[in-house]
N, C-alpha and C. Protein backbone atom coordinates (compact mmCIF):
# COMPACT_ATOMS: atom_id res chain seq x y z
N UNK A 1 -23.07 -51.06 16.05
CA UNK A 1 -21.79 -50.57 16.87
C UNK A 1 -21.01 -49.61 16.33
N UNK A 2 -20.95 -48.52 16.38
CA UNK A 2 -19.98 -47.67 16.00
C UNK A 2 -18.21 -47.16 16.38
N UNK A 3 -17.53 -46.44 15.68
CA UNK A 3 -16.14 -46.23 16.48
C UNK A 3 -15.60 -44.88 16.66
N UNK A 4 -16.06 -44.68 17.98
CA UNK A 4 -16.07 -43.46 18.62
C UNK A 4 -14.92 -41.99 18.74
N UNK A 5 -14.93 -41.26 18.04
CA UNK A 5 -13.63 -40.59 18.17
C UNK A 5 -14.75 -38.96 19.70
N UNK A 6 -13.82 -38.82 19.95
CA UNK A 6 -13.27 -37.17 20.85
C UNK A 6 -12.74 -36.55 20.30
N UNK A 7 -13.90 -35.10 19.88
CA UNK A 7 -12.99 -34.26 19.20
C UNK A 7 -12.69 -32.87 20.41
N UNK A 8 -12.18 -32.01 20.47
CA UNK A 8 -11.93 -31.06 21.30
C UNK A 8 -11.04 -29.95 21.01
N UNK A 9 -11.16 -28.35 21.07
CA UNK A 9 -10.34 -28.03 21.37
C UNK A 9 -8.11 -28.05 21.52
N UNK A 10 -7.58 -28.15 20.52
CA UNK A 10 -6.09 -29.03 21.28
C UNK A 10 -5.58 -28.10 22.00
N UNK A 11 -6.14 -27.52 22.22
CA UNK A 11 -4.97 -26.57 23.69
C UNK A 11 -5.54 -27.08 24.85
N UNK A 12 -6.50 -27.92 24.77
CA UNK A 12 -7.34 -28.26 26.32
C UNK A 12 -6.64 -28.75 26.57
N UNK A 13 -5.61 -29.79 26.25
CA UNK A 13 -5.47 -30.98 26.80
C UNK A 13 -3.97 -31.71 26.14
N UNK A 14 -2.76 -31.79 26.85
CA UNK A 14 -1.75 -31.64 26.09
C UNK A 14 -1.26 -33.58 26.44
N UNK A 15 -2.09 -34.30 26.82
CA UNK A 15 -1.53 -36.31 27.10
C UNK A 15 -3.04 -36.58 27.11
N UNK A 16 -2.58 -38.18 26.91
CA UNK A 16 -3.39 -38.29 26.50
C UNK A 16 -4.62 -38.29 27.83
N UNK A 17 -3.82 -38.53 29.20
CA UNK A 17 -4.37 -38.54 30.40
C UNK A 17 -5.64 -37.50 30.70
N UNK A 18 -5.17 -36.44 30.12
CA UNK A 18 -5.70 -34.75 30.03
C UNK A 18 -7.14 -35.37 29.60
N UNK A 19 -6.76 -35.25 28.61
CA UNK A 19 -7.50 -35.30 27.36
C UNK A 19 -9.10 -36.79 27.35
N UNK A 20 -8.33 -37.51 28.24
CA UNK A 20 -9.79 -38.48 28.91
C UNK A 20 -10.19 -37.87 30.06
N UNK A 21 -9.64 -37.10 31.03
CA UNK A 21 -10.45 -36.78 31.41
C UNK A 21 -11.16 -35.13 31.15
N UNK A 22 -11.21 -35.05 30.18
CA UNK A 22 -11.98 -33.44 29.78
C UNK A 22 -12.72 -34.90 29.01
N UNK A 23 -12.24 -36.23 28.52
CA UNK A 23 -14.60 -36.50 27.50
C UNK A 23 -14.68 -36.88 28.46
N UNK A 24 -14.54 -37.24 29.93
CA UNK A 24 -15.05 -38.04 31.26
C UNK A 24 -15.55 -37.19 31.79
N UNK A 25 -15.39 -35.40 32.10
CA UNK A 25 -16.23 -34.44 32.09
C UNK A 25 -16.89 -33.46 31.21
N UNK A 26 -16.95 -33.73 29.94
CA UNK A 26 -17.79 -33.25 28.37
C UNK A 26 -19.09 -33.28 28.72
N UNK A 27 -20.44 -32.28 28.89
CA UNK A 27 -21.51 -33.22 28.32
C UNK A 27 -21.27 -33.48 27.06
N UNK A 28 -22.27 -33.99 27.00
CA UNK A 28 -22.47 -35.19 25.21
C UNK A 28 -23.08 -34.11 24.25
N UNK A 29 -23.69 -32.82 24.91
CA UNK A 29 -24.46 -31.42 23.88
C UNK A 29 -25.07 -30.35 24.90
N UNK A 30 -25.11 -29.42 23.72
CA UNK A 30 -24.69 -27.84 24.41
C UNK A 30 -24.54 -26.95 23.49
N UNK A 31 -24.69 -25.83 23.73
CA UNK A 31 -24.41 -24.88 22.71
C UNK A 31 -23.26 -25.30 22.04
N UNK A 32 -24.00 -24.38 20.72
CA UNK A 32 -22.39 -24.65 19.44
C UNK A 32 -23.03 -23.33 18.97
N UNK A 33 -21.95 -22.16 18.76
CA UNK A 33 -21.66 -21.45 18.55
C UNK A 33 -21.78 -20.82 17.20
N UNK A 34 -22.47 -20.84 15.78
CA UNK A 34 -22.16 -21.31 14.70
C UNK A 34 -20.72 -20.54 14.02
N UNK A 35 -19.70 -20.55 13.32
CA UNK A 35 -18.85 -20.04 13.60
C UNK A 35 -17.53 -20.92 14.16
N UNK A 36 -17.76 -21.29 15.71
CA UNK A 36 -16.41 -21.76 16.51
C UNK A 36 -15.86 -22.83 15.71
N UNK A 37 -14.36 -22.94 15.82
CA UNK A 37 -14.19 -24.39 16.22
C UNK A 37 -14.37 -25.46 15.58
N UNK A 38 -15.42 -25.84 16.72
CA UNK A 38 -16.33 -27.25 17.09
C UNK A 38 -17.16 -27.49 15.98
N UNK A 39 -18.47 -25.99 15.87
CA UNK A 39 -19.29 -26.34 14.64
C UNK A 39 -18.38 -26.74 13.53
N UNK A 40 -17.14 -25.21 12.68
CA UNK A 40 -16.87 -25.50 11.87
C UNK A 40 -16.64 -27.05 11.40
N UNK A 41 -15.92 -27.63 12.22
CA UNK A 41 -15.66 -29.44 11.97
C UNK A 41 -17.11 -29.98 11.88
N UNK A 42 -17.60 -29.55 12.50
CA UNK A 42 -18.96 -30.86 12.97
C UNK A 42 -20.01 -30.46 11.82
N UNK A 43 -20.25 -29.11 10.35
CA UNK A 43 -20.54 -28.92 9.39
C UNK A 43 -19.71 -30.35 8.22
N UNK A 44 -18.38 -29.84 8.62
CA UNK A 44 -17.03 -30.18 7.63
C UNK A 44 -17.66 -32.14 8.12
N UNK A 45 -17.51 -32.54 9.05
CA UNK A 45 -17.92 -34.12 9.03
C UNK A 45 -19.45 -34.56 8.72
N UNK A 46 -20.01 -33.55 8.74
CA UNK A 46 -21.45 -34.47 8.60
C UNK A 46 -21.53 -34.12 6.64
N UNK A 47 -20.59 -33.64 6.13
CA UNK A 47 -20.66 -34.02 4.41
C UNK A 47 -19.52 -34.73 4.43
N UNK A 48 -18.53 -35.43 5.03
CA UNK A 48 -18.09 -36.99 4.67
C UNK A 48 -18.95 -37.78 5.15
N UNK A 49 -18.38 -39.40 4.55
CA UNK A 49 -19.41 -40.39 4.18
C UNK A 49 -18.84 -41.60 5.62
N UNK A 50 -18.16 -41.04 6.57
CA UNK A 50 -17.84 -41.81 8.07
C UNK A 50 -18.55 -41.86 9.22
N UNK A 51 -19.88 -40.92 9.05
CA UNK A 51 -20.75 -41.34 10.36
C UNK A 51 -21.43 -42.33 10.33
N UNK A 52 -21.54 -42.59 11.25
CA UNK A 52 -23.01 -43.93 11.84
C UNK A 52 -24.36 -43.41 12.09
N UNK A 53 -23.97 -42.13 12.65
CA UNK A 53 -25.52 -41.47 13.85
C UNK A 53 -24.43 -39.64 13.83
N UNK A 54 -25.90 -38.78 14.20
CA UNK A 54 -25.20 -37.74 13.69
C UNK A 54 -24.51 -37.07 15.57
N UNK A 55 -23.89 -36.17 14.35
CA UNK A 55 -23.04 -35.37 15.64
C UNK A 55 -23.62 -35.39 16.99
N UNK A 56 -22.94 -35.50 18.35
CA UNK A 56 -23.14 -34.26 19.69
C UNK A 56 -22.82 -33.57 19.51
N UNK A 57 -22.91 -32.54 20.01
CA UNK A 57 -21.43 -31.55 20.14
C UNK A 57 -21.80 -30.34 21.23
N UNK A 58 -20.93 -29.54 21.31
CA UNK A 58 -21.25 -28.48 21.91
C UNK A 58 -19.72 -26.91 21.16
N UNK A 59 -19.65 -25.92 21.79
CA UNK A 59 -18.54 -25.55 21.88
C UNK A 59 -17.27 -26.09 22.29
N UNK A 60 -17.32 -26.91 23.42
CA UNK A 60 -16.09 -27.50 23.57
C UNK A 60 -15.67 -28.86 23.22
N UNK A 61 -16.64 -29.08 22.51
CA UNK A 61 -16.55 -31.12 21.78
C UNK A 61 -17.54 -31.82 21.15
N UNK A 62 -16.95 -32.73 20.43
CA UNK A 62 -17.75 -32.80 19.52
C UNK A 62 -17.82 -34.35 19.69
N UNK A 63 -19.00 -35.59 19.83
CA UNK A 63 -18.86 -36.73 19.27
C UNK A 63 -18.94 -37.03 18.17
N UNK A 64 -17.84 -37.86 17.84
CA UNK A 64 -18.25 -38.44 16.52
C UNK A 64 -17.97 -40.49 16.11
N UNK A 65 -19.67 -40.60 15.69
CA UNK A 65 -19.68 -41.84 16.30
C UNK A 65 -19.57 -42.34 14.56
N UNK A 66 -18.57 -43.06 14.06
CA UNK A 66 -18.21 -43.61 12.81
C UNK A 66 -18.21 -45.33 12.68
N UNK A 67 -18.71 -45.43 11.09
CA UNK A 67 -18.60 -46.66 11.16
C UNK A 67 -17.69 -47.46 11.79
N UNK A 68 -18.07 -49.06 11.39
CA UNK A 68 -17.20 -50.22 12.21
C UNK A 68 -15.86 -50.43 11.08
N UNK A 69 -16.30 -49.87 10.08
CA UNK A 69 -15.71 -51.18 8.65
C UNK A 69 -14.72 -50.70 8.02
N UNK A 70 -14.07 -49.53 8.81
CA UNK A 70 -12.66 -49.54 8.63
C UNK A 70 -12.16 -47.89 9.14
N UNK A 71 -12.05 -48.68 10.78
CA UNK A 71 -12.12 -47.58 11.92
C UNK A 71 -10.81 -46.34 11.05
N UNK A 72 -9.54 -47.02 10.90
CA UNK A 72 -8.81 -46.24 11.14
C UNK A 72 -8.29 -45.45 9.57
N UNK A 73 -9.03 -45.75 8.91
CA UNK A 73 -9.44 -45.08 7.27
C UNK A 73 -10.65 -43.40 8.11
N UNK A 74 -11.23 -43.95 8.86
CA UNK A 74 -12.38 -42.70 9.28
C UNK A 74 -11.41 -42.11 9.97
N UNK A 75 -10.66 -42.58 10.76
CA UNK A 75 -9.33 -41.91 11.69
C UNK A 75 -8.52 -40.47 10.82
N UNK A 76 -8.58 -41.23 9.62
CA UNK A 76 -7.87 -39.66 9.17
C UNK A 76 -8.38 -39.51 8.68
N UNK A 77 -9.62 -38.96 7.87
CA UNK A 77 -10.91 -38.52 7.53
C UNK A 77 -11.39 -37.31 9.18
N UNK A 78 -11.12 -38.27 9.18
CA UNK A 78 -11.87 -37.11 11.23
C UNK A 78 -11.14 -36.19 11.78
N UNK A 79 -9.70 -36.81 11.75
CA UNK A 79 -8.27 -36.14 12.47
C UNK A 79 -8.03 -34.83 10.75
N UNK A 80 -8.28 -35.31 9.69
CA UNK A 80 -7.71 -34.43 8.46
C UNK A 80 -8.49 -33.10 8.59
N UNK A 81 -9.84 -32.97 9.21
CA UNK A 81 -11.06 -32.46 8.97
C UNK A 81 -11.14 -31.51 10.25
N UNK A 82 -10.03 -32.30 11.53
CA UNK A 82 -10.20 -31.70 12.38
C UNK A 82 -9.04 -30.36 12.28
N UNK A 83 -7.59 -30.40 11.98
CA UNK A 83 -6.29 -30.51 12.19
C UNK A 83 -6.87 -29.18 11.52
N UNK A 84 -7.43 -28.22 10.30
CA UNK A 84 -6.87 -26.82 10.40
C UNK A 84 -8.04 -25.29 11.33
N UNK A 85 -8.50 -26.70 12.20
CA UNK A 85 -9.30 -26.39 13.09
C UNK A 85 -9.05 -25.87 14.57
N UNK A 86 -7.77 -26.94 14.26
CA UNK A 86 -6.84 -26.54 15.38
C UNK A 86 -7.35 -27.70 16.54
N UNK A 87 -8.18 -28.94 16.67
CA UNK A 87 -8.99 -29.58 17.00
C UNK A 87 -7.91 -30.95 17.36
N UNK A 88 -7.98 -31.71 19.00
CA UNK A 88 -7.47 -33.21 18.54
C UNK A 88 -8.39 -33.54 18.96
N UNK A 89 -7.67 -35.21 17.98
CA UNK A 89 -9.17 -36.31 18.66
C UNK A 89 -8.83 -37.94 19.15
N UNK A 90 -9.24 -37.43 20.48
CA UNK A 90 -9.30 -38.67 21.03
C UNK A 90 -10.05 -40.16 20.24
N UNK A 91 -8.87 -41.01 20.31
CA UNK A 91 -9.28 -42.45 19.68
C UNK A 91 -9.97 -43.26 21.06
N UNK A 92 -11.06 -43.18 21.15
CA UNK A 92 -11.65 -43.67 22.08
C UNK A 92 -11.56 -45.20 22.66
N UNK A 93 -11.49 -46.27 21.61
CA UNK A 93 -11.64 -47.41 21.84
C UNK A 93 -9.97 -47.95 22.19
N UNK A 94 -8.87 -47.09 21.23
CA UNK A 94 -7.49 -47.96 22.05
C UNK A 94 -6.69 -46.76 22.64
N UNK A 95 -7.69 -45.33 23.23
CA UNK A 95 -6.82 -44.56 24.11
C UNK A 95 -5.65 -43.52 23.44
N UNK A 96 -6.46 -43.67 22.67
CA UNK A 96 -4.44 -43.15 20.97
C UNK A 96 -5.37 -41.50 20.87
N UNK A 97 -4.09 -40.51 21.62
CA UNK A 97 -4.03 -39.21 21.14
C UNK A 97 -3.92 -38.94 20.82
N UNK A 98 -4.63 -38.20 19.31
CA UNK A 98 -4.00 -37.05 17.54
C UNK A 98 -4.26 -36.16 17.91
N UNK A 99 -3.26 -35.08 18.34
CA UNK A 99 -3.15 -33.50 18.36
C UNK A 99 -2.01 -32.58 17.30
N UNK A 100 -2.92 -31.92 16.23
CA UNK A 100 -1.94 -31.75 15.15
C UNK A 100 -1.16 -30.26 15.65
N UNK A 101 -0.81 -30.04 16.73
CA UNK A 101 0.23 -29.27 16.97
C UNK A 101 1.04 -29.34 16.59
N UNK A 102 1.68 -28.37 15.79
CA UNK A 102 3.19 -28.35 15.63
C UNK A 102 3.34 -29.96 14.40
N UNK A 103 2.66 -29.92 13.30
CA UNK A 103 2.18 -31.40 13.24
C UNK A 103 3.27 -30.69 11.32
N UNK A 104 3.81 -31.91 10.56
CA UNK A 104 4.53 -32.07 9.40
C UNK A 104 3.71 -32.73 8.55
N UNK A 105 3.85 -32.14 7.27
CA UNK A 105 2.61 -32.44 6.33
C UNK A 105 2.96 -33.80 5.86
N UNK A 106 3.42 -34.64 6.67
CA UNK A 106 4.09 -36.41 6.23
C UNK A 106 3.17 -37.29 6.44
N UNK A 107 2.72 -37.70 6.01
CA UNK A 107 1.73 -39.38 5.66
C UNK A 107 2.22 -40.54 6.68
N UNK A 108 1.49 -40.65 8.35
CA UNK A 108 1.57 -41.78 8.27
C UNK A 108 0.70 -43.03 7.77
N UNK A 109 1.63 -44.28 8.25
CA UNK A 109 0.95 -45.59 7.61
C UNK A 109 1.18 -46.33 8.17
N UNK A 110 0.73 -47.05 8.81
CA UNK A 110 0.85 -48.88 10.45
C UNK A 110 -0.45 -49.06 9.68
N UNK A 111 0.38 -50.96 9.69
CA UNK A 111 -0.20 -52.67 9.11
C UNK A 111 -1.66 -52.29 10.24
N UNK A 112 -2.26 -51.70 11.09
CA UNK A 112 -2.96 -52.12 11.75
C UNK A 112 -3.55 -51.54 12.81
N UNK A 113 -3.17 -50.16 12.64
CA UNK A 113 -3.09 -48.94 13.96
C UNK A 113 -3.41 -47.65 12.76
N UNK A 114 -3.14 -46.89 13.39
CA UNK A 114 -3.99 -44.64 12.33
C UNK A 114 -2.84 -45.28 11.19
N UNK A 115 -3.80 -44.49 10.56
CA UNK A 115 -3.66 -43.57 9.45
C UNK A 115 -3.46 -42.14 9.74
N UNK A 116 -2.91 -40.86 9.09
CA UNK A 116 -3.00 -40.08 9.20
C UNK A 116 -1.91 -39.13 8.06
N UNK A 117 -2.66 -37.64 7.60
CA UNK A 117 -2.06 -37.55 6.81
C UNK A 117 -1.42 -36.18 7.10
N UNK A 118 -0.69 -35.99 8.66
CA UNK A 118 0.38 -35.67 9.82
C UNK A 118 1.05 -36.25 10.10
N UNK A 119 2.02 -35.96 11.13
CA UNK A 119 2.85 -36.71 11.78
C UNK A 119 3.82 -35.23 12.97
N UNK A 120 3.46 -36.58 14.12
CA UNK A 120 4.64 -35.09 15.21
C UNK A 120 4.95 -36.07 15.88
N UNK A 121 5.99 -35.57 16.52
CA UNK A 121 7.12 -36.23 17.18
C UNK A 121 6.25 -37.68 17.86
N UNK A 122 5.45 -36.60 18.39
CA UNK A 122 4.80 -37.22 20.32
C UNK A 122 3.77 -39.13 19.30
N UNK A 123 3.31 -38.25 18.07
CA UNK A 123 2.60 -39.47 17.08
C UNK A 123 2.44 -40.26 17.15
N UNK A 124 4.44 -40.36 16.36
CA UNK A 124 5.64 -41.38 16.25
C UNK A 124 6.05 -41.53 17.44
N UNK A 125 6.12 -41.49 18.62
CA UNK A 125 6.62 -42.38 19.46
C UNK A 125 5.35 -43.07 20.30
N UNK A 126 4.40 -42.51 20.31
CA UNK A 126 2.66 -43.58 20.69
C UNK A 126 2.99 -44.81 19.11
N UNK A 127 3.01 -44.09 18.23
CA UNK A 127 3.25 -45.54 17.21
C UNK A 127 4.14 -46.50 17.41
N UNK A 128 5.63 -45.95 17.72
CA UNK A 128 7.42 -47.28 18.32
C UNK A 128 7.04 -47.92 19.59
N UNK A 129 5.55 -46.98 20.49
CA UNK A 129 5.34 -48.12 21.22
C UNK A 129 4.38 -49.31 21.11
N UNK A 130 3.24 -48.56 19.88
CA UNK A 130 2.85 -50.26 20.19
C UNK A 130 2.85 -50.80 19.03
N UNK A 131 4.15 -50.06 18.34
CA UNK A 131 4.41 -52.03 17.86
C UNK A 131 5.77 -52.82 19.09
N UNK A 132 6.12 -51.53 19.45
CA UNK A 132 6.89 -52.57 21.03
C UNK A 132 5.99 -53.32 22.08
N UNK A 133 4.44 -53.19 21.43
CA UNK A 133 4.15 -53.97 22.48
C UNK A 133 2.97 -54.86 21.54
N UNK A 134 3.63 -54.96 20.53
CA UNK A 134 3.60 -56.05 18.99
C UNK A 134 2.03 -56.03 18.72
N UNK A 135 0.99 -54.76 18.82
CA UNK A 135 -0.03 -54.43 18.28
C UNK A 135 -0.38 -54.52 16.64
N UNK A 136 0.92 -53.64 16.37
CA UNK A 136 1.29 -54.60 14.70
C UNK A 136 2.97 -54.27 14.65
N UNK A 137 3.55 -54.46 13.24
CA UNK A 137 4.72 -54.49 12.85
C UNK A 137 5.26 -53.74 12.55
N UNK A 138 4.68 -52.57 11.45
CA UNK A 138 5.43 -51.86 11.00
C UNK A 138 4.64 -50.47 10.74
N UNK A 139 5.51 -49.36 10.83
CA UNK A 139 5.29 -48.23 10.49
C UNK A 139 6.05 -47.79 9.21
N UNK A 140 4.85 -46.78 8.11
CA UNK A 140 5.71 -46.11 6.59
C UNK A 140 5.73 -44.41 7.13
N UNK A 141 6.12 -43.46 7.11
CA UNK A 141 6.10 -42.39 6.69
C UNK A 141 6.14 -41.60 5.41
N UNK A 142 5.28 -40.91 4.75
CA UNK A 142 5.62 -40.55 3.29
C UNK A 142 5.63 -39.39 3.00
N UNK A 143 6.25 -38.33 2.67
CA UNK A 143 6.73 -37.33 1.80
C UNK A 143 5.66 -36.34 1.25
N UNK A 144 5.71 -37.75 -0.12
CA UNK A 144 5.12 -38.08 -0.99
C UNK A 144 4.80 -39.15 -1.83
N UNK A 145 3.94 -39.51 -3.30
CA UNK A 145 4.54 -40.72 -3.01
C UNK A 145 5.57 -40.77 -4.40
N UNK A 146 5.41 -42.19 -3.04
CA UNK A 146 6.56 -43.28 -3.81
C UNK A 146 8.08 -42.50 -3.03
N UNK A 147 8.24 -41.10 -1.97
CA UNK A 147 9.06 -41.29 -1.39
C UNK A 147 8.64 -41.33 -0.05
N UNK A 148 9.56 -42.18 0.54
CA UNK A 148 9.33 -42.98 1.91
C UNK A 148 10.24 -43.19 2.92
N UNK A 149 9.75 -43.18 4.43
CA UNK A 149 10.83 -44.77 5.14
C UNK A 149 9.80 -44.99 5.65
N UNK A 150 10.10 -46.25 6.17
CA UNK A 150 9.23 -47.48 6.57
C UNK A 150 10.65 -48.48 7.94
N UNK A 151 9.27 -48.73 8.80
CA UNK A 151 10.54 -49.65 9.97
C UNK A 151 9.62 -50.77 9.69
N UNK A 152 10.19 -52.20 9.48
CA UNK A 152 9.46 -53.52 10.54
C UNK A 152 10.29 -54.17 11.96
N UNK A 153 8.92 -54.41 12.60
CA UNK A 153 10.34 -55.13 13.36
C UNK A 153 9.41 -56.79 13.73
N UNK A 154 10.83 -57.19 13.29
CA UNK A 154 10.75 -58.40 13.65
C UNK A 154 10.50 -59.51 14.48
N UNK A 155 10.39 -60.67 14.76
CA UNK A 155 9.56 -61.83 15.97
C UNK A 155 11.21 -61.97 16.71
N UNK A 156 11.94 -61.75 16.32
CA UNK A 156 12.61 -61.51 17.42
C UNK A 156 13.04 -60.14 18.04
N UNK A 157 12.86 -58.80 17.40
CA UNK A 157 12.40 -57.71 18.15
C UNK A 157 13.85 -56.99 17.51
N UNK A 158 14.91 -57.59 16.19
CA UNK A 158 14.96 -56.51 15.31
C UNK A 158 14.15 -55.47 14.71
N UNK A 159 14.93 -55.15 13.95
CA UNK A 159 14.23 -53.97 13.18
C UNK A 159 15.16 -53.82 11.78
N UNK A 160 14.22 -54.15 10.28
CA UNK A 160 14.66 -53.93 9.04
C UNK A 160 13.77 -52.06 8.96
N UNK A 161 14.33 -51.75 8.39
CA UNK A 161 14.29 -49.84 7.99
C UNK A 161 14.60 -49.39 6.76
N UNK A 162 13.92 -49.20 5.87
CA UNK A 162 13.96 -49.02 4.43
C UNK A 162 13.92 -47.39 4.51
N UNK A 163 13.93 -47.11 2.77
CA UNK A 163 13.91 -45.55 2.53
C UNK A 163 14.28 -45.36 0.95
N UNK A 164 12.96 -45.42 0.66
CA UNK A 164 13.38 -44.68 -1.07
C UNK A 164 13.50 -43.58 -1.62
N UNK A 165 14.33 -43.25 -2.32
CA UNK A 165 15.08 -42.37 -2.49
C UNK A 165 14.03 -41.32 -3.46
N UNK A 166 14.44 -40.14 -3.57
CA UNK A 166 13.31 -39.25 -3.98
C UNK A 166 13.63 -39.07 -6.09
N UNK A 167 15.26 -38.61 -5.91
CA UNK A 167 16.10 -38.86 -7.36
C UNK A 167 15.81 -39.57 -8.10
N UNK A 168 16.00 -40.78 -7.69
CA UNK A 168 16.17 -42.31 -8.42
C UNK A 168 15.44 -43.53 -8.49
N UNK A 169 14.44 -43.04 -7.22
CA UNK A 169 13.59 -43.94 -6.88
C UNK A 169 14.26 -45.30 -6.17
N UNK A 170 15.52 -45.58 -5.99
CA UNK A 170 16.39 -46.84 -5.48
C UNK A 170 15.79 -46.82 -3.52
N UNK A 171 15.06 -48.28 -3.53
CA UNK A 171 15.37 -48.23 -2.14
C UNK A 171 15.90 -49.34 -1.75
N UNK A 172 16.93 -48.37 -0.52
CA UNK A 172 17.66 -49.25 0.70
C UNK A 172 16.91 -49.80 1.82
N UNK A 173 18.08 -50.18 2.19
CA UNK A 173 17.92 -51.24 3.91
C UNK A 173 19.16 -51.13 4.26
N UNK A 174 18.48 -51.24 5.80
CA UNK A 174 19.06 -51.04 7.31
C UNK A 174 19.00 -51.92 8.06
N UNK A 175 19.53 -52.89 9.26
CA UNK A 175 19.04 -53.55 10.11
C UNK A 175 19.74 -53.27 11.33
N UNK A 176 18.38 -53.09 12.63
CA UNK A 176 19.34 -52.40 13.55
C UNK A 176 18.76 -53.52 14.76
N UNK A 177 18.96 -53.55 15.67
CA UNK A 177 18.02 -53.79 17.65
C UNK A 177 18.17 -52.88 18.32
N UNK A 178 18.26 -51.33 17.41
CA UNK A 178 18.17 -50.40 18.83
C UNK A 178 16.84 -49.89 18.19
N UNK A 179 15.48 -49.85 18.70
CA UNK A 179 14.36 -49.30 18.93
C UNK A 179 14.51 -47.84 18.94
N UNK A 180 15.06 -47.31 19.69
CA UNK A 180 15.35 -46.00 19.86
C UNK A 180 15.58 -45.13 19.04
N UNK A 181 16.87 -45.89 18.58
CA UNK A 181 17.52 -45.54 17.30
C UNK A 181 16.61 -45.15 16.12
N UNK A 182 15.04 -46.20 15.46
CA UNK A 182 15.09 -46.10 15.44
C UNK A 182 14.04 -45.11 15.22
N UNK A 183 13.32 -44.75 15.90
CA UNK A 183 12.42 -43.21 16.58
C UNK A 183 13.06 -42.80 15.48
N UNK A 184 14.53 -42.43 16.37
CA UNK A 184 14.86 -41.09 15.94
C UNK A 184 14.90 -40.70 14.48
N UNK A 185 15.87 -41.78 14.02
CA UNK A 185 16.10 -41.73 12.58
C UNK A 185 14.62 -41.58 11.56
N UNK A 186 13.70 -42.46 11.91
CA UNK A 186 12.52 -42.07 10.90
C UNK A 186 11.93 -40.59 11.45
N UNK A 187 12.54 -40.20 12.99
CA UNK A 187 11.47 -38.21 13.14
C UNK A 187 12.64 -37.76 12.18
N UNK A 188 13.76 -37.73 12.23
CA UNK A 188 14.78 -37.65 11.29
C UNK A 188 15.06 -36.62 10.03
N UNK A 189 13.99 -37.86 9.25
CA UNK A 189 13.62 -38.15 8.08
C UNK A 189 12.57 -37.51 7.61
N UNK A 190 11.64 -36.96 8.44
CA UNK A 190 10.08 -36.42 8.43
C UNK A 190 10.49 -35.14 8.38
N UNK A 191 11.63 -34.86 9.67
CA UNK A 191 12.26 -33.19 9.40
C UNK A 191 12.73 -32.92 8.07
N UNK A 192 13.59 -33.69 7.36
CA UNK A 192 14.48 -33.71 6.69
C UNK A 192 16.08 -32.79 6.66
N UNK A 193 16.03 -33.25 7.81
CA UNK A 193 17.81 -32.58 8.58
C UNK A 193 18.78 -33.13 8.63
N UNK A 194 18.61 -34.32 7.60
CA UNK A 194 19.95 -35.46 6.82
C UNK A 194 20.69 -35.61 7.65
N UNK A 195 19.87 -35.66 8.57
CA UNK A 195 20.95 -36.34 9.98
C UNK A 195 21.05 -37.29 10.09
N UNK A 196 19.71 -38.64 9.07
CA UNK A 196 18.87 -39.56 9.73
C UNK A 196 20.19 -40.83 8.85
N UNK A 197 20.83 -39.55 7.98
CA UNK A 197 21.31 -40.74 6.91
C UNK A 197 22.72 -41.21 7.23
N UNK A 198 23.22 -40.61 8.11
CA UNK A 198 24.50 -41.46 8.75
C UNK A 198 24.03 -42.15 9.58
N UNK A 199 22.89 -42.52 10.10
CA UNK A 199 22.90 -43.33 11.65
C UNK A 199 22.56 -44.70 11.54
N UNK A 200 22.82 -45.33 9.76
CA UNK A 200 22.88 -46.70 10.39
C UNK A 200 23.71 -46.60 8.62
N UNK A 201 24.26 -47.75 8.29
CA UNK A 201 24.60 -47.88 6.46
C UNK A 201 23.84 -48.77 6.04
N UNK A 202 22.96 -48.01 5.29
CA UNK A 202 21.99 -48.39 4.24
C UNK A 202 22.85 -49.14 3.34
N UNK A 203 22.27 -50.12 2.35
CA UNK A 203 22.64 -50.63 1.51
C UNK A 203 21.04 -50.68 -0.16
N UNK A 204 21.70 -50.86 -1.11
CA UNK A 204 20.29 -50.73 -2.13
C UNK A 204 20.31 -52.24 -1.83
N UNK A 205 18.68 -51.90 -2.27
CA UNK A 205 17.93 -52.93 -2.09
C UNK A 205 17.83 -52.85 -3.76
N UNK A 206 18.29 -54.99 -4.82
CA UNK A 206 18.13 -55.13 -6.06
C UNK A 206 16.84 -55.46 -6.05
N UNK A 207 16.06 -54.89 -6.64
CA UNK A 207 14.31 -55.53 -6.52
C UNK A 207 14.42 -56.23 -8.14
């Protein structure tokens, strides 16, 4: 059994439905021109340790079969290798699209969902919708080791939002029942625009 990804030029699809249509219409193999974005990606992913079988590819897409042992860690590897070539990644099992265009260098981690080294507003919105659907409970975004913002959805639907301060390393906590506000705050934090600080009343956490 393998965990499969469809990798393709990001400009070919702007949403999940279009990406899925592209996947369904794309041949498995074809001409793969040396030096093309997909060819360069294929060469890179072949040097990784995530593959469970040989990559099938052509200039328009690559079919990447990875081991099932840690699929979200494999997603991070595949997405990292795809990003420099402006390639998007479609997770075929979870029907999730990861488009790197306009991404911030902010790492994303979740309880049982995607792990990425970059973040877009669309990806964050998708993760928040997954949490609302109870696929998992928390999301963490970080700009550097030990500097992060994270949110946890409790069973009653309320949210605990935390951030760790860069200068002092202190942890601060706020609570809210407003899920859209949590998403806005996390995106503001990721952008570093400073506006997130006024969205909730954070109190220091004594460890």
